[in-house]
Amino acid sequence: MKKILKPAGVFWTKKHSAHPLTLKKLQNEIFVDQKLKEIQVVLELLDSETRLRILILLSKKEFL
């Protein structure tokens, strides 16, 4: 069985019905979207159990 090698900067490996240039354009939109980068930063900040617990407490306002 022949191994499929991905071209550099490409996230798909199987043949698709869409033209490769269309797929490349979509890939660029996904990885360059500033809003997605902002969301990623927020999710990385929430990637801590302690931070999540603090947010839960703040949202409940039970500490006041």
C-alpha atoms as a PDB file:
ATOM      1  CA  MET A   1       0.000   0.000   0.000  1.00  0.00           C
ATOM      2  CA  LYS A   2       1.395   3.371  -1.003  1.00  0.00           C
ATOM      3  CA  LYS A   3       1.583   6.009   1.738  1.00  0.00           C
ATOM      4  CA  ILE A   4      -0.078   9.338   0.958  1.00  0.00           C
ATOM      5  CA  LEU A   5       2.197  12.278   1.701  1.00  0.00           C
ATOM      6  CA  LYS A   6       0.588  15.602   2.536  1.00  0.00           C
ATOM      7  CA  PRO A   7       1.975  18.672   0.810  1.00  0.00           C
ATOM      8  CA  ALA A   8       3.386  21.248   3.237  1.00  0.00           C
ATOM      9  CA  GLY A   9       0.674  23.445   4.740  1.00  0.00           C
ATOM     10  CA  VAL A  10      -2.199  21.164   3.735  1.00  0.00           C
ATOM     11  CA  PHE A  11      -4.518  19.626   6.332  1.00  0.00           C
ATOM     12  CA  TRP A  12      -6.308  17.040   4.185  1.00  0.00           C
ATOM     13  CA  THR A  13      -4.938  13.763   2.890  1.00  0.00           C
ATOM     14  CA  LYS A  14      -7.769  12.146   0.936  1.00  0.00           C
ATOM     15  CA  LYS A  15      -9.102  13.100  -2.473  1.00  0.00           C
ATOM     16  CA  HIS A  16     -12.050  15.486  -2.418  1.00  0.00           C
ATOM     17  CA  SER A  17     -14.686  16.404  -4.937  1.00  0.00           C
ATOM     18  CA  ALA A  18     -13.724  20.090  -4.607  1.00  0.00           C
ATOM     19  CA  HIS A  19     -10.881  21.549  -6.638  1.00  0.00           C
ATOM     20  CA  PRO A  20      -7.552  21.700  -4.746  1.00  0.00           C
ATOM     21  CA  LEU A  21      -7.386  25.493  -5.152  1.00  0.00           C
ATOM     22  CA  THR A  22     -10.823  25.822  -3.558  1.00  0.00           C
ATOM     23  CA  LEU A  23      -9.701  23.658  -0.654  1.00  0.00           C
ATOM     24  CA  LYS A  24      -6.521  25.714  -0.274  1.00  0.00           C
ATOM     25  CA  LYS A  25      -8.574  28.939  -0.196  1.00  0.00           C
ATOM     26  CA  LEU A  26     -10.839  27.509   2.518  1.00  0.00           C
ATOM     27  CA  GLN A  27      -7.818  26.347   4.482  1.00  0.00           C
ATOM     28  CA  ASN A  28      -6.313  29.828   4.339  1.00  0.00           C
ATOM     29  CA  GLU A  29      -9.573  31.384   5.539  1.00  0.00           C
ATOM     30  CA  ILE A  30      -9.730  28.967   8.456  1.00  0.00           C
ATOM     31  CA  PHE A  31      -6.166  29.520   9.624  1.00  0.00           C
ATOM     32  CA  VAL A  32      -5.974  33.276   9.008  1.00  0.00           C
ATOM     33  CA  ASP A  33      -9.324  34.319  10.524  1.00  0.00           C
ATOM     34  CA  GLN A  34      -8.573  36.853  13.281  1.00  0.00           C
ATOM     35  CA  LYS A  35     -11.826  36.137  15.144  1.00  0.00           C
ATOM     36  CA  LEU A  36     -10.877  32.468  15.426  1.00  0.00           C
ATOM     37  CA  LYS A  37      -7.480  33.454  16.821  1.00  0.00           C
ATOM     38  CA  GLU A  38      -9.188  35.622  19.453  1.00  0.00           C
ATOM     39  CA  ILE A  39     -11.489  32.744  20.411  1.00  0.00           C
ATOM     40  CA  GLN A  40      -8.471  30.456  20.627  1.00  0.00           C
ATOM     41  CA  VAL A  41      -6.788  32.831  23.097  1.00  0.00           C
ATOM     42  CA  VAL A  42      -9.894  32.859  25.293  1.00  0.00           C
ATOM     43  CA  LEU A  43     -10.174  29.069  25.201  1.00  0.00           C
ATOM     44  CA  GLU A  44      -6.508  28.726  26.102  1.00  0.00           C
ATOM     45  CA  LEU A  45      -7.107  30.987  29.102  1.00  0.00           C
ATOM     46  CA  LEU A  46      -9.986  28.762  30.169  1.00  0.00           C
ATOM     47  CA  ASP A  47      -7.814  25.674  29.871  1.00  0.00           C
ATOM     48  CA  SER A  48      -7.094  25.702  33.581  1.00  0.00           C
ATOM     49  CA  GLU A  49      -9.271  24.032  36.170  1.00  0.00           C
ATOM     50  CA  THR A  50      -8.521  26.777  38.696  1.00  0.00           C
ATOM     51  CA  ARG A  51      -9.528  29.531  36.280  1.00  0.00           C
ATOM     52  CA  LEU A  52     -12.745  27.700  35.446  1.00  0.00           C
ATOM     53  CA  ARG A  53     -13.584  27.307  39.133  1.00  0.00           C
ATOM     54  CA  ILE A  54     -12.998  31.027  39.687  1.00  0.00           C
ATOM     55  CA  LEU A  55     -15.288  31.881  36.762  1.00  0.00           C
ATOM     56  CA  ILE A  56     -18.004  29.586  38.090  1.00  0.00           C
ATOM     57  CA  LEU A  57     -17.804  31.224  41.505  1.00  0.00           C
ATOM     58  CA  LEU A  58     -17.903  34.677  39.961  1.00  0.00           C
ATOM     59  CA  SER A  59     -20.906  33.746  37.819  1.00  0.00           C
ATOM     60  CA  LYS A  60     -22.805  32.476  40.875  1.00  0.00           C
ATOM     61  CA  LYS A  61     -21.858  35.539  42.960  1.00  0.00           C
ATOM     62  CA  GLU A  62     -22.161  33.383  46.070  1.00  0.00           C
ATOM     63  CA  PHE A  63     -18.956  34.718  47.487  1.00  0.00           C
ATOM     64  CA  LEU A  64     -20.492  38.161  48.213  1.00  0.00           C
END
